[in-house]
């Protein structure tokens, strides 16, 4: 049986979505980010959503990353996704494939 899992989002002071993640123990996971991630000092606030299973949280995480484009996520934030490329190009970013 899968354990309850939380989905969290980190935002900057400017309300930019920095990162989306999932964890059974958000306090421990956030401490890992604090110790290892260069972007941690930019985190101003966080939100948490609770899911009854890990699978449900991971599905929501994947969907959130693909729709919301957090700055620091790599997994599921695929530059091969045409919608993502269109947004980047429309914003003036150069996309190299």
Protein backbone atom coordinates (compact mmCIF):
# COMPACT_ATOMS: atom_id res chain seq x y z
CA UNK A 1 0.00 0.00 0.00
CA UNK A 2 1.25 3.47 -0.86
CA UNK A 3 1.78 6.09 1.84
CA UNK A 4 0.24 9.56 1.91
CA UNK A 5 2.52 11.97 0.03
CA UNK A 6 2.70 15.75 -0.20
CA UNK A 7 3.24 17.87 -3.29
CA UNK A 8 4.97 21.17 -2.58
CA UNK A 9 5.73 24.31 -4.56
CA UNK A 10 8.41 26.87 -3.75
CA UNK A 11 7.94 30.50 -4.79
CA UNK A 12 10.24 33.51 -4.87
CA UNK A 13 9.47 36.91 -3.33
CA UNK A 14 8.32 37.96 -6.82
CA UNK A 15 5.87 35.00 -6.80
CA UNK A 16 7.83 33.10 -9.46
CA UNK A 17 7.41 29.35 -9.24
CA UNK A 18 10.87 28.03 -8.46
CA UNK A 19 10.35 24.31 -7.88
CA UNK A 20 7.70 21.60 -7.57
CA UNK A 21 8.38 18.37 -5.70
CA UNK A 22 6.86 15.47 -3.79
CA UNK A 23 7.82 13.82 -0.52
CA UNK A 24 6.52 11.57 2.25
CA UNK A 25 8.41 13.81 4.68
CA UNK A 26 8.51 17.41 3.48
CA UNK A 27 10.56 18.67 6.43
CA UNK A 28 13.37 16.25 5.63
CA UNK A 29 13.16 16.92 1.89
CA UNK A 30 13.17 20.69 2.39
CA UNK A 31 16.27 20.34 4.57
CA UNK A 32 17.95 18.49 1.68
CA UNK A 33 17.11 21.41 -0.62
CA UNK A 34 18.44 23.88 1.96
CA UNK A 35 21.77 22.06 2.09
CA UNK A 36 22.19 21.23 -1.60
CA UNK A 37 20.34 23.61 -3.92
CA UNK A 38 21.79 26.89 -5.15
CA UNK A 39 18.29 28.32 -5.57
CA UNK A 40 17.21 27.77 -1.95
CA UNK A 41 17.99 31.37 -0.83
CA UNK A 42 15.41 32.57 -3.38
CA UNK A 43 12.58 30.64 -1.68
CA UNK A 44 10.19 33.03 0.02
CA UNK A 45 7.16 30.81 0.54
CA UNK A 46 5.84 27.30 -0.04
CA UNK A 47 2.50 25.63 -0.58
CA UNK A 48 1.62 22.02 0.19
CA UNK A 49 -1.06 19.73 -1.24
CA UNK A 50 -1.80 16.41 0.45
CA UNK A 51 -2.44 13.21 -1.52
CA UNK A 52 -3.51 9.83 -0.21
CA UNK A 53 -0.98 7.94 -2.36
CA UNK A 54 2.49 8.51 -3.74
CA UNK A 55 1.23 7.72 -7.23
CA UNK A 56 -1.42 10.45 -7.07
CA UNK A 57 1.15 12.99 -5.84
CA UNK A 58 3.63 12.04 -8.60
CA UNK A 59 0.93 12.40 -11.28
CA UNK A 60 0.01 15.84 -9.91
CA UNK A 61 3.70 16.80 -9.78
CA UNK A 62 4.26 15.84 -13.42
CA UNK A 63 1.18 17.78 -14.51
CA UNK A 64 2.15 20.84 -12.44
CA UNK A 65 5.67 20.92 -13.88
CA UNK A 66 4.45 20.61 -17.46
CA UNK A 67 1.77 23.28 -17.03
CA UNK A 68 3.42 25.75 -14.65
CA UNK A 69 7.08 25.62 -15.83
CA UNK A 70 8.96 25.97 -12.52
CA UNK A 71 12.37 27.54 -13.05
CA UNK A 72 14.49 24.85 -11.35
CA UNK A 73 12.73 21.59 -12.20
CA UNK A 74 14.48 19.37 -14.73
CA UNK A 75 12.32 16.22 -14.69
CA UNK A 76 9.12 16.62 -16.74
CA UNK A 77 10.15 20.16 -17.77
CA UNK A 78 11.06 18.89 -21.23
CA UNK A 79 12.37 21.43 -23.74
CA UNK A 80 11.14 19.02 -26.40
CA UNK A 81 7.58 19.96 -25.48
CA UNK A 82 6.47 22.33 -28.27
CA UNK A 83 4.23 24.41 -25.99
CA UNK A 84 7.19 25.00 -23.66
CA UNK A 85 9.40 26.03 -26.58
CA UNK A 86 6.74 28.40 -27.89
CA UNK A 87 6.50 30.10 -24.49
CA UNK A 88 10.27 30.47 -24.24
CA UNK A 89 10.64 31.82 -27.76
CA UNK A 90 7.69 34.19 -27.26
CA UNK A 91 9.42 35.49 -24.13
CA UNK A 92 12.61 36.26 -26.03
CA UNK A 93 14.68 33.25 -24.92
CA UNK A 94 16.88 31.50 -27.45
CA UNK A 95 16.16 27.77 -27.59
CA UNK A 96 18.91 25.44 -28.76
CA UNK A 97 18.11 21.83 -29.53
